Protein backbone atom coordinates (compact mmCIF):
# COMPACT_ATOMS: atom_id res chain seq x y z
CA ALA A 1 -13.34 -9.38 -14.78
CA SER A 2 -12.64 -11.67 -11.84
CA ALA A 3 -15.90 -10.65 -10.12
CA ILE A 4 -17.85 -11.65 -13.23
CA LEU A 5 -16.05 -15.00 -13.49
CA LYS A 6 -16.79 -15.79 -9.83
CA LYS A 7 -20.52 -15.39 -10.50
CA SER A 8 -20.54 -17.32 -13.78
CA PRO A 9 -23.07 -20.17 -13.90
CA ILE A 10 -20.46 -22.03 -15.99
CA PRO A 11 -17.13 -22.94 -14.35
CA THR A 12 -14.45 -20.72 -15.88
CA PHE A 13 -10.69 -20.99 -15.53
CA VAL A 14 -8.17 -18.40 -16.69
CA LEU A 15 -4.59 -19.22 -17.62
CA PRO A 16 -1.94 -16.50 -17.56
CA GLY A 17 -0.68 -15.27 -20.90
CA ASP A 18 2.70 -13.76 -21.64
CA ASN A 19 1.26 -10.23 -21.40
CA ASP A 20 -0.18 -10.97 -17.94
CA ILE A 21 3.15 -11.57 -16.23
CA ASN A 22 6.36 -11.95 -18.25
CA ASP A 23 5.94 -8.98 -20.56
CA CYS A 24 4.99 -6.60 -17.72
CA ASP A 25 7.52 -3.93 -16.86
CA ASP A 26 7.18 -5.05 -13.24
CA HIS A 27 7.10 -8.86 -13.29
CA GLU A 28 6.42 -9.23 -9.56
CA HIS A 29 3.46 -6.86 -9.70
CA GLY A 30 2.03 -8.65 -12.75
CA GLU A 31 2.30 -12.01 -11.00
CA TYR A 32 0.79 -10.59 -7.80
CA MET A 33 -2.19 -9.13 -9.67
CA TRP A 34 -2.81 -12.31 -11.66
CA LYS A 35 -2.73 -14.44 -8.51
CA LYS A 36 -4.93 -11.97 -6.62
CA TYR A 37 -7.73 -12.05 -9.21
CA PHE A 38 -7.43 -15.29 -11.22
CA HIS A 39 -5.48 -17.87 -9.21
CA LYS A 40 -7.30 -21.12 -8.34
CA PRO A 41 -10.85 -19.98 -9.19
CA ASP A 42 -12.29 -23.35 -8.20
CA GLU A 43 -11.30 -22.66 -4.58
CA GLN A 44 -13.07 -19.28 -4.72
CA TRP A 45 -16.31 -20.80 -6.09
CA GLU A 46 -16.80 -22.68 -2.84
CA GLU A 47 -17.12 -19.37 -0.96
CA GLY A 48 -20.52 -18.57 -2.41
CA PRO A 49 -22.97 -19.02 -5.25
CA PRO A 50 -22.71 -20.39 -7.78
CA LYS A 51 -21.18 -23.52 -6.31
CA HIS A 52 -19.33 -25.67 -8.80
CA LYS A 53 -18.17 -29.06 -7.62
CA LEU A 54 -15.20 -30.06 -9.75
CA ASP A 55 -12.45 -32.38 -8.51
CA VAL A 56 -9.51 -30.30 -9.80
CA THR A 57 -6.03 -31.78 -9.78
CA ARG A 58 -3.04 -29.46 -10.06
CA TRP A 59 0.34 -30.68 -11.22
CA GLY A 60 3.79 -29.39 -11.89
CA VAL A 61 5.61 -26.40 -10.48
CA LEU A 62 3.07 -23.95 -11.93
CA ASP A 63 -0.12 -24.77 -10.04
CA GLU A 64 -2.23 -22.93 -12.62
CA SER A 65 -1.81 -26.10 -14.70
CA PHE A 66 -4.77 -28.32 -13.87
CA SER A 67 -7.07 -31.12 -14.97
CA PHE A 68 -10.49 -32.48 -14.05
CA LEU A 69 -12.99 -34.99 -15.36
CA HIS A 70 -16.58 -33.85 -15.88
CA LYS A 71 -19.33 -36.01 -17.39
CA GLY A 72 -16.76 -38.30 -19.00
CA VAL A 73 -14.76 -35.46 -20.58
CA LEU A 74 -11.19 -34.69 -19.48
CA TYR A 75 -10.45 -30.97 -19.27
CA PHE A 76 -6.99 -29.59 -18.71
CA GLY A 77 -5.21 -26.29 -18.67
CA LEU A 78 -1.49 -26.06 -19.20
CA ASN A 79 0.49 -22.93 -18.48
CA ILE A 80 3.27 -22.79 -21.05
CA VAL A 81 5.38 -19.77 -20.21
CA GLY A 82 5.80 -17.45 -23.19
CA GLY A 83 7.01 -13.95 -23.82
CA ARG A 84 10.32 -12.69 -22.52
CA PRO A 85 11.63 -15.08 -19.85
CA TYR A 86 11.81 -13.44 -16.45
CA SER A 87 14.54 -15.81 -15.35
CA ASP A 88 16.67 -18.67 -16.68
CA ARG A 89 14.42 -21.15 -14.81
CA GLU A 90 11.58 -20.40 -17.25
């Protein structure tokens, strides 16, 4: 899936869901795999075509939360941790 998203002519971001990390039997492995394939896609677009030029701002502790302005429209993604908490910090 990540290879397809990297080649998309339309910028595509993916936010983790509770089944991607927290509900995995091995939380660390789930987080590793999500980061390996879906973390900061805008930084991967710059490596090759198609090139998307979005001024992405990340905020908060979870850097998969982001925002950007494109053609007068504000887009944002907010990672709200769901599922079974992995730790008390969540």
